[in-house]
Amino acid sequence: MGPTTGLTPDVVVIGGGPVGQTAALLCAQWGLRVKILEAQPQRNRVGSRAICQQREVLDTWDAIGAGVLARRGITWSTSRTYYQGKEIFAVELKDRGSSLLPPFVNVSQAEVEEVLLGLIEAHPLIEMEGGATVHKITSDDHGVVMEVVTEQGAELITSRFAIACCGLHSEHLREQLGVDFPGHSFDDLFLICDIKADLADQRGERRFHFDPDWNRGRQVLIHEQPDSIWRIDWQVPEDFDLCQEEASGGLDARIHEIVGQQPYQLAWRSVYRFQGRVASRFRVGSVFLAGDFAHVFAPFGARGLNSGVHDVENLAWKLAMVMRGFADRRLLDSYELERRAAALENLEVTSATMRFLVPQTDADRQRRVRLLQAAASGAADAIANVDSGRLYEPFWYVDSPLTTPSPDRQFRGRPQRGLPVDPVPGTVLPDQEIQVPFGSLHRGESRQRLRQLVHHGFTVLSDDPSEVTIPKEVPIAVGDLRAIDPSRTLRRALDLDAKPVHIVIRPDGHIAAMVQTADQVPLALERSLGRIGK
């Protein structure tokens, strides 16, 4: 329970997992009063679950005070794929900028939740109630009414807005909201184990194995976690029985095939069948769907928790702008437009991966074998078509009504795996270390990242800040691009020529506009607040 009880919430967050926790902290950072309703009396902190946390998600967590997660996790930037023990390709994750944050760290969901919970318990604007199940929910444009069941009985809770982050299995709330959840389940099972062992030769990388000797005809994925804990995912037959596997000694033998004869400790194990689904709507009146309540994906590519965090980062600043009078409710329409598009992109990517991992016809199985054999022989076309999971990247809001397009910067679509997206309006601002702060946002740290300074409002980076006129009623910081970027590192990252430029950046780090004259900045800001269409 947080230090403040009995508050009237501006926002109710339904679900106290990492997405809900992040949502609460982001909203509270904007000065909104938040109540979290978590169905479990206490969150289950057993098992790694979601472990791969991407750079821009680490940036979001750093902005709410959880920068320790980037330092705590196991850093990696290389993903290797093998076929029958032979490496067929490696993907080096490239950075458009020069961020101080790594491309990915591995740290368990349980540890993420523990860190975020500590921040929540210390925050005066957040109240968290465990053992509180939302039984009924109604919503319109004026607010939300929830019937909540606790050990003490039922009570009605009202709020202006609600963010539903209550996971895959809250079907009753989707039904009450009139939201469909189309998609499909994959038949094959996957066995997941956390083991404590010394696998020094596999540190610091993601390793994906097709058809290894120790799982013929299927796949294995190996990841390192902190404290010598290793996450191993096996594809197993549809009739796999974990209890029988343990009783027969099969699980022990399966693990020893990877760790060799050295000892290990089994920390957690589970069996999953994965799904791919996206909700038909992400907004119903004043209720917003996020995380696994809005979408679920197969985990190969780490697109679940990472995309959920970006759901609520996208939403929190928009709620704040509306509640503080900087924008009207039209801005909130952009949440569904932007984040449902992101979810559909993630679904397309992960579904393609699962079709390759779990082919459904003999023809598909034969095609996969041919591709893997050709890839093992070095055929470039075959290597390009082997799918071991395209790793998560932040979505590009190039078609959003909040984005001011640049005629000379056309989006060329999804980049090749491992490569950053083209720097166009709608994409994330590249990060880099800076020496000269701007505005009143200097954090007093010895080493600062540019992206640390953009989460508190809108940001304009300009070659001539004196020319820029900005509305005083909106939180905006203006920085001198020449002083911030004397080495022109950011200019190179953004493919900027020598012409003057003014860059408008949203509070979630996405570029809203890149314009050449200062008089275009106010219009771009108006558009990014949802006040005008494209």
Protein backbone atom coordinates (compact mmCIF):
# COMPACT_ATOMS: atom_id res chain seq x y z
CA MET A 1 0.00 0.00 0.00
CA GLY A 2 1.33 3.41 -0.93
CA PRO A 3 1.63 6.22 1.61
CA THR A 4 -1.51 8.04 0.43
CA THR A 5 -4.87 6.32 0.92
CA GLY A 6 -8.39 7.44 0.26
CA LEU A 7 -7.45 9.70 -2.65
CA THR A 8 -9.90 10.35 -5.46
CA PRO A 9 -8.02 9.05 -8.47
CA ASP A 10 -7.65 10.82 -11.77
CA VAL A 11 -6.68 7.48 -13.27
CA VAL A 12 -7.40 3.94 -12.13
CA VAL A 13 -4.93 1.35 -13.36
CA ILE A 14 -6.45 -2.14 -13.49
CA GLY A 15 -3.63 -4.62 -13.04
CA GLY A 16 -0.45 -4.37 -11.01
CA GLY A 17 1.99 -6.12 -13.33
CA PRO A 18 4.95 -4.32 -14.90
CA VAL A 19 2.82 -2.55 -17.53
CA GLY A 20 0.32 -1.35 -14.91
CA GLN A 21 3.12 -0.32 -12.58
CA THR A 22 4.80 1.64 -15.36
CA ALA A 23 1.49 3.27 -16.27
CA ALA A 24 0.94 4.40 -12.68
CA LEU A 25 4.43 5.86 -12.32
CA LEU A 26 4.24 7.65 -15.66
CA CYS A 27 0.87 9.21 -14.83
CA ALA A 28 2.03 10.22 -11.35
CA GLN A 29 5.12 11.82 -12.87
CA TRP A 30 2.72 14.15 -14.68
CA GLY A 31 1.02 15.01 -11.38
CA LEU A 32 -2.00 12.75 -11.81
CA ARG A 33 -3.48 10.87 -8.84
CA VAL A 34 -3.46 7.13 -9.48
CA LYS A 35 -5.06 4.09 -7.89
CA ILE A 36 -3.85 0.61 -8.87
CA LEU A 37 -6.26 -2.31 -8.50
CA GLU A 38 -4.44 -5.65 -8.49
CA ALA A 39 -6.50 -8.86 -8.31
CA GLN A 40 -3.79 -10.87 -6.53
CA PRO A 41 -3.17 -10.06 -2.85
CA GLN A 42 0.52 -10.17 -3.75
CA ARG A 43 2.16 -10.50 -7.16
CA ASN A 44 3.76 -13.86 -7.96
CA ARG A 45 7.49 -13.18 -8.16
CA VAL A 46 8.51 -16.69 -9.24
CA GLY A 47 10.15 -17.31 -12.60
CA SER A 48 11.76 -15.13 -15.21
CA ARG A 49 8.79 -14.76 -17.59
CA ALA A 50 9.51 -11.65 -19.74
CA ILE A 51 13.28 -11.10 -19.54
CA CYS A 52 14.48 -9.18 -22.63
CA GLN A 53 14.11 -5.44 -22.02
CA GLN A 54 14.81 -3.18 -25.00
CA ARG A 55 16.79 0.09 -25.02
CA GLU A 56 13.85 2.50 -25.35
CA VAL A 57 11.95 0.66 -22.61
CA LEU A 58 15.00 1.01 -20.36
CA ASP A 59 14.90 4.70 -21.23
CA THR A 60 11.24 4.89 -20.13
CA TRP A 61 12.02 3.15 -16.86
CA ASP A 62 14.99 5.45 -16.29
CA ALA A 63 12.65 8.44 -16.69
CA ILE A 64 10.48 7.20 -13.79
CA GLY A 65 13.40 6.43 -11.52
CA ALA A 66 14.11 2.80 -12.39
CA GLY A 67 17.45 3.28 -14.13
CA VAL A 68 18.90 0.53 -11.94
CA LEU A 69 17.26 -2.03 -14.25
CA ALA A 70 19.61 -1.12 -17.11
CA ARG A 71 22.59 -1.52 -14.79
CA ARG A 72 21.30 -4.69 -13.15
CA GLY A 73 20.51 -6.61 -16.35
CA ILE A 74 22.84 -8.69 -18.50
CA THR A 75 23.76 -6.57 -21.53
CA TRP A 76 23.72 -8.09 -24.99
CA SER A 77 23.77 -6.86 -28.57
CA THR A 78 24.35 -10.06 -30.57
CA SER A 79 21.78 -12.68 -31.57
CA ARG A 80 23.18 -15.93 -32.99
CA THR A 81 21.22 -18.57 -34.88
CA TYR A 82 22.39 -22.18 -35.34
CA TYR A 83 21.27 -25.15 -37.41
CA GLN A 84 22.29 -28.62 -36.20
CA GLY A 85 25.06 -27.07 -34.14
CA LYS A 86 26.48 -24.85 -36.90
CA GLU A 87 26.13 -21.07 -36.71
CA ILE A 88 24.31 -19.84 -39.80
CA PHE A 89 24.12 -16.13 -39.02
CA ALA A 90 24.53 -13.52 -36.30
CA VAL A 91 22.66 -10.24 -35.97
CA GLU A 92 24.46 -7.28 -34.40
CA LEU A 93 21.91 -4.78 -33.15
CA LYS A 94 22.81 -1.36 -34.49
CA ASP A 95 22.14 1.97 -32.80
CA ARG A 96 21.12 4.95 -34.93
CA GLY A 97 22.59 7.19 -32.23
CA SER A 98 25.24 6.60 -29.59
CA SER A 99 23.21 5.88 -26.48
CA LEU A 100 24.71 5.08 -23.11
CA LEU A 101 22.00 2.40 -22.81
CA PRO A 102 22.53 -1.07 -24.31
CA PRO A 103 20.31 -2.49 -27.09
CA PHE A 104 18.90 -5.10 -24.68
CA VAL A 105 19.39 -6.30 -21.16
CA ASN A 106 18.15 -9.55 -19.69
CA VAL A 107 16.52 -9.07 -16.31
CA SER A 108 13.54 -11.04 -15.08
CA GLN A 109 10.01 -9.67 -14.95
CA ALA A 110 9.97 -10.50 -11.24
CA GLU A 111 12.91 -8.18 -10.62
CA VAL A 112 11.36 -5.46 -12.79
CA GLU A 113 8.19 -5.64 -10.71
CA GLU A 114 10.14 -5.48 -7.45
CA VAL A 115 11.98 -2.32 -8.50
CA LEU A 116 8.82 -0.61 -9.77
CA LEU A 117 6.88 -1.59 -6.66
CA GLY A 118 9.47 0.12 -4.48
CA LEU A 119 8.96 3.34 -6.43
CA ILE A 120 5.18 3.01 -6.19
CA GLU A 121 5.22 2.48 -2.44
CA ALA A 122 7.25 5.68 -2.02
CA HIS A 123 5.13 7.83 -4.34
CA PRO A 124 2.61 10.18 -2.67
CA LEU A 125 0.26 10.23 -5.66
CA ILE A 126 -0.16 6.46 -6.03
CA GLU A 127 -2.33 4.12 -3.99
CA MET A 128 -2.13 0.39 -4.66
CA GLU A 129 -4.74 -2.09 -3.47
CA GLY A 130 -4.08 -5.81 -3.68
CA GLY A 131 -6.79 -8.46 -3.70
CA ALA A 132 -9.09 -6.08 -5.58
CA THR A 133 -10.92 -7.56 -8.56
CA VAL A 134 -12.85 -5.38 -10.97
CA HIS A 135 -16.13 -7.27 -11.30
CA LYS A 136 -18.04 -4.80 -13.47
CA ILE A 137 -17.01 -1.77 -15.49
CA THR A 138 -18.92 0.89 -17.40
CA SER A 139 -17.50 3.85 -19.24
CA ASP A 140 -18.45 6.87 -21.31
CA ASP A 141 -16.71 10.09 -22.33
CA HIS A 142 -17.27 11.55 -18.85
CA GLY A 143 -15.61 8.85 -16.75
CA VAL A 144 -15.47 5.27 -15.51
CA VAL A 145 -17.46 3.41 -12.85
CA MET A 146 -16.10 0.12 -11.50
CA GLU A 147 -17.59 -2.40 -9.10
CA VAL A 148 -14.61 -3.75 -7.20
CA VAL A 149 -14.68 -6.87 -5.02
CA THR A 150 -12.24 -7.17 -2.12
CA GLU A 151 -12.06 -9.24 1.05
CA GLN A 152 -14.11 -6.53 2.76
CA GLY A 153 -16.88 -6.75 0.17
CA ALA A 154 -17.89 -4.77 -2.90
CA GLU A 155 -17.41 -1.06 -3.49
CA LEU A 156 -17.91 1.39 -6.34
CA ILE A 157 -14.85 3.29 -7.57
CA THR A 158 -15.09 6.13 -10.03
CA SER A 159 -12.38 7.91 -11.95
CA ARG A 160 -12.03 10.15 -14.93
CA PHE A 161 -9.97 7.58 -16.82
CA ALA A 162 -8.97 3.92 -16.47
CA ILE A 163 -6.07 2.02 -18.00
CA ALA A 164 -6.82 -1.71 -18.23
CA CYS A 165 -3.56 -3.67 -17.99
CA CYS A 166 -5.15 -6.76 -16.43
CA GLY A 167 -3.72 -9.39 -18.73
CA LEU A 168 -4.80 -12.05 -21.16
CA HIS A 169 -7.37 -13.80 -18.96
CA SER A 170 -9.69 -10.89 -18.07
CA GLU A 171 -12.25 -11.92 -20.68
CA HIS A 172 -15.21 -10.73 -18.59
CA LEU A 173 -13.98 -7.12 -18.74
CA ARG A 174 -13.41 -7.24 -22.49
CA GLU A 175 -16.94 -8.59 -22.92
CA GLN A 176 -18.41 -5.83 -20.75
CA LEU A 177 -16.53 -3.24 -22.78
CA GLY A 178 -17.73 -4.80 -26.04
CA VAL A 179 -14.20 -5.59 -27.20
CA ASP A 180 -13.43 -8.64 -29.35
CA PHE A 181 -10.06 -10.39 -29.05
CA PRO A 182 -9.51 -12.20 -32.36
CA GLY A 183 -6.48 -14.31 -33.10
CA HIS A 184 -5.32 -17.86 -32.62
CA SER A 185 -3.39 -20.23 -30.37
CA PHE A 186 -0.39 -22.25 -31.48
CA ASP A 187 -0.65 -25.99 -30.85
CA ASP A 188 2.98 -26.76 -30.04
CA LEU A 189 4.13 -26.46 -26.45
CA PHE A 190 7.23 -24.76 -25.14
CA LEU A 191 9.05 -25.79 -21.98
CA ILE A 192 10.78 -22.97 -20.11
CA CYS A 193 13.33 -23.47 -17.34
CA ASP A 194 15.42 -21.10 -15.24
CA ILE A 195 18.57 -22.85 -14.10
CA LYS A 196 21.56 -21.69 -12.08
CA ALA A 197 24.76 -22.89 -13.74
CA ASP A 198 28.13 -21.78 -15.08
CA LEU A 199 27.82 -21.48 -18.86
CA ALA A 200 30.69 -19.06 -19.37
CA ASP A 201 31.07 -19.86 -23.07
CA GLN A 202 27.54 -18.57 -23.84
CA ARG A 203 27.54 -15.29 -21.93
CA GLY A 204 26.31 -12.00 -23.28
CA GLU A 205 24.41 -13.29 -26.32
CA ARG A 206 21.05 -14.62 -27.44
CA ARG A 207 21.47 -18.11 -28.91
CA PHE A 208 18.77 -19.79 -30.96
CA HIS A 209 19.21 -23.40 -32.08
CA PHE A 210 17.28 -25.09 -34.90
CA ASP A 211 17.33 -28.89 -34.77
CA PRO A 212 20.18 -29.36 -32.27
CA ASP A 213 21.27 -32.87 -31.32
CA TRP A 214 19.54 -32.38 -27.99
CA ASN A 215 16.13 -31.42 -29.43
CA ARG A 216 15.93 -32.98 -32.88
CA GLY A 217 13.35 -31.49 -35.21
CA ARG A 218 12.58 -28.63 -32.84
CA GLN A 219 14.09 -25.44 -31.39
CA VAL A 220 15.93 -24.28 -28.28
CA LEU A 221 16.57 -20.69 -27.15
CA ILE A 222 19.17 -19.83 -24.49
CA HIS A 223 19.49 -16.53 -22.60
CA GLU A 224 21.68 -15.41 -19.71
CA GLN A 225 20.19 -13.62 -16.70
CA PRO A 226 21.86 -11.98 -13.68
CA ASP A 227 23.41 -14.12 -10.92
CA SER A 228 24.33 -17.02 -13.25
CA ILE A 229 20.68 -17.84 -13.96
CA TRP A 230 20.02 -19.11 -17.48
CA ARG A 231 16.68 -19.15 -19.28
CA ILE A 232 16.22 -22.11 -21.64
CA ASP A 233 13.18 -22.48 -23.92
CA TRP A 234 12.58 -25.85 -25.62
CA GLN A 235 9.93 -26.52 -28.22
CA VAL A 236 8.34 -29.81 -27.11
CA PRO A 237 5.66 -32.11 -28.59
CA GLU A 238 2.01 -31.27 -28.17
CA ASP A 239 1.52 -34.26 -25.81
CA PHE A 240 4.46 -33.27 -23.57
CA ASP A 241 3.79 -33.98 -19.87
CA LEU A 242 6.04 -31.97 -17.52
CA CYS A 243 5.23 -34.06 -14.45
CA GLN A 244 6.05 -37.28 -16.27
CA GLU A 245 9.23 -35.71 -17.68
CA GLU A 246 10.41 -34.82 -14.19
CA ALA A 247 9.47 -38.16 -12.67
CA SER A 248 11.27 -40.14 -15.36
CA GLY A 249 14.46 -38.09 -15.13
CA GLY A 250 13.89 -36.77 -18.62
CA LEU A 251 14.01 -33.12 -17.52
CA ASP A 252 17.34 -33.64 -15.76
CA ALA A 253 18.74 -35.36 -18.85
CA ARG A 254 17.40 -32.57 -21.08
CA ILE A 255 19.17 -29.92 -19.02
CA HIS A 256 22.45 -31.88 -18.84
CA GLU A 257 22.50 -32.07 -22.64
CA ILE A 258 23.03 -28.29 -22.54
CA VAL A 259 25.10 -27.76 -19.37
CA GLY A 260 27.21 -30.90 -19.72
CA GLN A 261 28.19 -32.82 -16.61
CA GLN A 262 28.50 -29.79 -14.35
CA PRO A 263 25.98 -29.33 -11.55
CA TYR A 264 23.00 -27.00 -11.86
CA GLN A 265 20.06 -25.86 -9.78
CA LEU A 266 16.55 -25.74 -11.19
CA ALA A 267 14.98 -22.42 -10.15
CA TRP A 268 11.72 -22.50 -12.09
CA ARG A 269 10.02 -24.41 -14.86
CA SER A 270 6.78 -24.11 -16.75
CA VAL A 271 5.04 -25.11 -19.97
CA TYR A 272 3.36 -22.61 -22.26
CA ARG A 273 1.21 -22.62 -25.38
CA PHE A 274 1.49 -19.27 -27.11
CA GLN A 275 -1.18 -17.08 -28.67
CA GLY A 276 -1.33 -14.19 -31.11
CA ARG A 277 -4.26 -11.78 -30.59
CA VAL A 278 -5.04 -8.06 -30.92
CA ALA A 279 -8.13 -6.42 -29.44
CA SER A 280 -10.66 -4.94 -31.83
CA ARG A 281 -10.55 -1.65 -29.92
CA PHE A 282 -7.97 -0.04 -27.64
CA ARG A 283 -10.32 2.61 -26.28
CA VAL A 284 -13.89 2.43 -25.00
CA GLY A 285 -15.05 5.82 -23.76
CA SER A 286 -12.67 6.67 -20.93
CA VAL A 287 -11.13 3.18 -20.66
CA PHE A 288 -7.89 2.41 -22.49
CA LEU A 289 -6.60 -1.10 -23.12
CA ALA A 290 -2.87 -1.80 -22.78
CA GLY A 291 -0.38 -4.63 -22.49
CA ASP A 292 -1.62 -8.22 -22.60
CA PHE A 293 -5.20 -7.04 -22.10
CA ALA A 294 -4.93 -5.42 -25.54
CA HIS A 295 -2.58 -7.80 -27.34
CA VAL A 296 -0.62 -11.02 -26.85
CA PHE A 297 2.23 -12.28 -29.01
CA ALA A 298 4.49 -15.28 -29.17
CA PRO A 299 7.61 -14.35 -27.17
CA PHE A 300 10.26 -14.91 -29.85
CA GLY A 301 11.40 -11.34 -30.41
CA ALA A 302 10.52 -9.92 -26.97
CA ARG A 303 7.48 -8.00 -28.23
CA GLY A 304 5.16 -8.52 -25.25
CA LEU A 305 6.26 -6.55 -22.20
CA ASN A 306 8.27 -4.09 -24.29
CA SER A 307 5.27 -3.13 -26.40
CA GLY A 308 3.08 -2.93 -23.29
CA VAL A 309 5.43 -0.39 -21.74
CA HIS A 310 5.29 1.67 -24.91
CA ASP A 311 1.48 1.47 -24.84
CA VAL A 312 1.32 3.23 -21.51
CA GLU A 313 4.12 5.67 -22.28
CA ASN A 314 2.17 6.72 -25.35
CA LEU A 315 -0.99 7.13 -23.28
CA ALA A 316 0.26 8.77 -20.07
CA TRP A 317 1.42 12.06 -21.57
CA LYS A 318 -1.78 12.36 -23.58
CA LEU A 319 -3.94 11.88 -20.48
CA ALA A 320 -1.84 14.51 -18.71
CA MET A 321 -2.16 17.02 -21.53
CA VAL A 322 -5.93 16.61 -21.53
CA MET A 323 -6.35 16.71 -17.75
CA ARG A 324 -4.10 19.76 -17.41
CA GLY A 325 -5.99 21.61 -20.13
CA PHE A 326 -3.23 21.66 -22.76
CA ALA A 327 -5.29 19.59 -25.22
CA ASP A 328 -8.86 18.42 -25.67
CA ARG A 329 -10.07 14.83 -25.81
CA ARG A 330 -9.34 14.58 -29.54
CA LEU A 331 -5.73 13.92 -28.57
CA LEU A 332 -6.83 10.69 -26.89
CA ASP A 333 -8.16 9.34 -30.18
CA SER A 334 -4.57 9.01 -31.34
CA TYR A 335 -3.81 6.37 -28.68
CA GLU A 336 -5.81 3.68 -30.47
CA LEU A 337 -4.61 4.82 -33.90
CA GLU A 338 -0.95 4.64 -32.91
CA ARG A 339 -0.82 1.70 -30.54
CA ARG A 340 -3.21 -0.62 -32.36
CA ALA A 341 -1.12 -0.10 -35.48
CA ALA A 342 1.93 -1.02 -33.41
CA ALA A 343 0.18 -4.14 -32.11
CA LEU A 344 -0.78 -5.26 -35.61
CA GLU A 345 2.84 -4.83 -36.71
CA ASN A 346 3.99 -6.95 -33.77
CA LEU A 347 1.36 -9.58 -34.55
CA GLU A 348 2.45 -9.78 -38.18
CA VAL A 349 6.11 -10.17 -37.20
CA THR A 350 5.56 -12.77 -34.47
CA SER A 351 3.01 -14.76 -36.50
CA ALA A 352 5.54 -15.06 -39.31
CA THR A 353 8.09 -16.32 -36.79
CA MET A 354 5.71 -18.91 -35.41
CA ARG A 355 4.80 -20.12 -38.91
CA PHE A 356 8.49 -20.77 -39.47
CA LEU A 357 9.09 -22.32 -36.05
CA VAL A 358 5.95 -24.45 -36.09
CA PRO A 359 5.11 -25.23 -39.74
CA GLN A 360 1.60 -26.61 -40.13
CA THR A 361 1.90 -28.57 -43.39
CA ASP A 362 4.35 -31.05 -44.87
CA ALA A 363 5.14 -28.55 -47.63
CA ASP A 364 6.00 -25.86 -45.05
CA ARG A 365 8.15 -28.29 -43.08
CA GLN A 366 10.05 -29.34 -46.19
CA ARG A 367 10.54 -25.70 -47.20
CA ARG A 368 11.99 -24.91 -43.78
CA VAL A 369 14.46 -27.79 -43.95
CA ARG A 370 15.57 -26.66 -47.42
CA LEU A 371 16.06 -23.08 -46.21
CA LEU A 372 18.02 -24.16 -43.14
CA GLN A 373 20.25 -26.48 -45.14
CA ALA A 374 20.91 -23.78 -47.72
CA ALA A 375 21.59 -21.24 -44.97
CA ALA A 376 24.08 -23.62 -43.39
CA SER A 377 25.86 -23.69 -46.77
CA GLY A 378 26.06 -19.89 -46.74
CA ALA A 379 23.31 -19.02 -49.23
CA ALA A 380 22.48 -15.37 -48.56
CA ASP A 381 18.88 -15.58 -49.83
CA ALA A 382 18.20 -18.54 -47.55
CA ILE A 383 19.78 -16.83 -44.54
CA ALA A 384 17.53 -13.80 -45.09
CA ASN A 385 14.46 -16.07 -44.91
CA VAL A 386 15.39 -18.00 -41.76
CA ASP A 387 13.19 -16.62 -38.98
CA SER A 388 14.40 -17.16 -35.41
CA GLY A 389 12.53 -14.11 -34.09
CA ARG A 390 12.86 -10.50 -35.19
CA LEU A 391 13.76 -8.54 -32.07
CA TYR A 392 11.55 -5.77 -30.74
CA GLU A 393 11.90 -2.22 -32.03
CA PRO A 394 9.76 0.82 -31.13
CA PHE A 395 6.97 1.43 -33.60
CA TRP A 396 7.11 4.24 -36.14
CA TYR A 397 4.17 6.70 -36.03
CA VAL A 398 4.70 7.88 -39.59
CA ASP A 399 0.98 7.71 -40.41
CA SER A 400 -0.22 9.30 -37.18
CA PRO A 401 -2.31 12.49 -37.34
CA LEU A 402 0.08 13.88 -34.69
CA THR A 403 3.08 13.62 -37.03
CA THR A 404 4.05 16.38 -39.45
CA PRO A 405 5.40 14.60 -42.53
CA SER A 406 8.54 15.81 -44.32
CA PRO A 407 8.24 15.64 -48.11
CA ASP A 408 11.94 14.88 -48.48
CA ARG A 409 11.90 12.11 -45.84
CA GLN A 410 9.82 9.17 -47.02
CA PHE A 411 9.46 6.13 -44.78
CA ARG A 412 10.83 3.07 -46.58
CA GLY A 413 9.15 0.48 -44.39
CA ARG A 414 10.39 -2.11 -41.93
CA PRO A 415 14.21 -2.24 -42.02
CA GLN A 416 16.31 -5.38 -42.29
CA ARG A 417 16.69 -7.21 -39.00
CA GLY A 418 19.23 -5.64 -36.68
CA LEU A 419 19.25 -2.32 -38.53
CA PRO A 420 17.68 0.89 -37.18
CA VAL A 421 14.70 2.46 -38.88
CA ASP A 422 15.18 5.44 -41.18
CA PRO A 423 15.18 8.75 -39.24
CA VAL A 424 11.89 10.32 -40.33
CA PRO A 425 9.13 12.10 -38.40
CA GLY A 426 7.26 9.51 -36.36
CA THR A 427 10.34 7.51 -35.37
CA VAL A 428 12.19 7.64 -32.05
CA LEU A 429 14.78 10.36 -31.53
CA PRO A 430 18.27 8.80 -31.51
CA ASP A 431 19.94 8.99 -28.14
CA GLN A 432 23.43 10.21 -27.31
CA GLU A 433 25.51 11.56 -24.47
CA ILE A 434 25.38 15.35 -24.15
CA GLN A 435 27.49 17.84 -22.25
CA VAL A 436 25.32 20.96 -22.43
CA PRO A 437 21.83 20.77 -20.89
CA PHE A 438 18.98 23.05 -21.94
CA GLY A 439 16.00 24.66 -20.28
CA SER A 440 15.45 23.78 -16.63
CA LEU A 441 15.74 20.04 -17.19
CA HIS A 442 19.36 19.44 -16.22
CA ARG A 443 19.41 16.49 -13.83
CA GLY A 444 22.78 17.30 -12.29
CA GLU A 445 24.34 14.00 -13.37
CA SER A 446 27.92 13.70 -14.56
CA ARG A 447 26.87 11.92 -17.77
CA GLN A 448 23.55 12.75 -19.34
CA ARG A 449 21.70 11.30 -22.28
CA LEU A 450 19.73 13.48 -24.62
CA ARG A 451 16.66 11.30 -24.24
CA GLN A 452 16.70 11.81 -20.45
CA LEU A 453 15.70 15.42 -21.05
CA VAL A 454 12.69 14.95 -23.32
CA HIS A 455 10.20 13.09 -21.11
CA HIS A 456 8.91 16.08 -19.12
CA GLY A 457 7.09 17.84 -21.94
CA PHE A 458 7.60 18.72 -25.57
CA THR A 459 11.10 19.53 -26.75
CA VAL A 460 12.27 21.66 -29.64
CA LEU A 461 15.87 21.35 -30.81
CA SER A 462 16.73 24.29 -33.05
CA ASP A 463 19.72 25.68 -34.90
CA ASP A 464 18.49 29.12 -33.83
CA PRO A 465 16.31 28.94 -30.69
CA SER A 466 15.81 32.72 -30.68
CA GLU A 467 13.65 32.39 -33.80
CA VAL A 468 11.29 29.85 -32.28
CA THR A 469 7.98 31.10 -30.90
CA ILE A 470 6.21 28.59 -28.68
CA PRO A 471 2.88 28.70 -26.84
CA LYS A 472 3.54 29.54 -23.19
CA GLU A 473 0.71 27.39 -21.86
CA VAL A 474 2.27 24.09 -23.01
CA PRO A 475 5.29 22.51 -21.24
CA ILE A 476 8.04 22.92 -23.85
CA ALA A 477 11.82 23.09 -23.52
CA VAL A 478 13.85 24.65 -26.33
CA GLY A 479 17.45 23.61 -26.85
CA ASP A 480 20.24 24.95 -29.03
CA LEU A 481 21.08 22.08 -31.35
CA ARG A 482 24.50 23.53 -32.15
CA ALA A 483 25.48 23.66 -28.48
CA ILE A 484 24.02 20.27 -27.63
CA ASP A 485 25.54 18.58 -30.67
CA PRO A 486 28.90 20.29 -31.32
CA SER A 487 30.36 17.11 -32.84
CA ARG A 488 27.33 16.86 -35.17
CA THR A 489 26.76 13.29 -33.99
CA LEU A 490 23.00 13.79 -33.80
CA ARG A 491 22.95 15.46 -37.21
CA ARG A 492 24.65 12.46 -38.73
CA ALA A 493 22.30 10.09 -36.92
CA LEU A 494 19.34 12.00 -38.34
CA ASP A 495 20.87 12.33 -41.82
CA LEU A 496 20.60 16.12 -41.64
CA ASP A 497 22.31 18.28 -44.21
CA ALA A 498 23.70 21.76 -43.59
CA LYS A 499 20.31 23.49 -43.86
CA PRO A 500 18.79 24.98 -40.67
CA VAL A 501 16.51 22.57 -38.86
CA HIS A 502 13.99 22.62 -36.03
CA ILE A 503 13.06 19.27 -34.49
CA VAL A 504 9.86 18.87 -32.45
CA ILE A 505 9.97 15.92 -30.04
CA ARG A 506 7.04 14.42 -28.18
CA PRO A 507 7.21 13.52 -24.47
CA ASP A 508 7.53 9.83 -25.41
CA GLY A 509 10.69 10.53 -27.41
CA HIS A 510 9.16 10.25 -30.88
CA ILE A 511 9.94 12.93 -33.44
CA ALA A 512 6.78 14.90 -34.22
CA ALA A 513 8.29 17.13 -36.89
CA MET A 514 11.54 18.09 -38.64
CA VAL A 515 11.03 21.49 -40.28
CA GLN A 516 13.41 24.01 -41.85
CA THR A 517 11.83 27.28 -40.79
CA ALA A 518 10.97 28.42 -37.27
CA ASP A 519 7.52 29.61 -38.26
CA GLN A 520 6.56 25.96 -38.95
CA VAL A 521 7.18 24.94 -35.33
CA PRO A 522 3.93 26.29 -33.75
CA LEU A 523 1.83 24.49 -36.38
CA ALA A 524 3.73 21.24 -35.79
CA LEU A 525 3.12 21.60 -32.03
CA GLU A 526 -0.59 22.19 -32.64
CA ARG A 527 -0.73 19.05 -34.73
CA SER A 528 1.16 16.97 -32.14
CA LEU A 529 -1.42 18.01 -29.53
CA GLY A 530 -4.23 16.75 -31.72
CA ARG A 531 -5.62 20.21 -32.36
CA ILE A 532 -5.48 19.95 -36.16
CA GLY A 533 -5.42 17.14 -38.68
CA LYS A 534 -2.77 16.45 -41.28
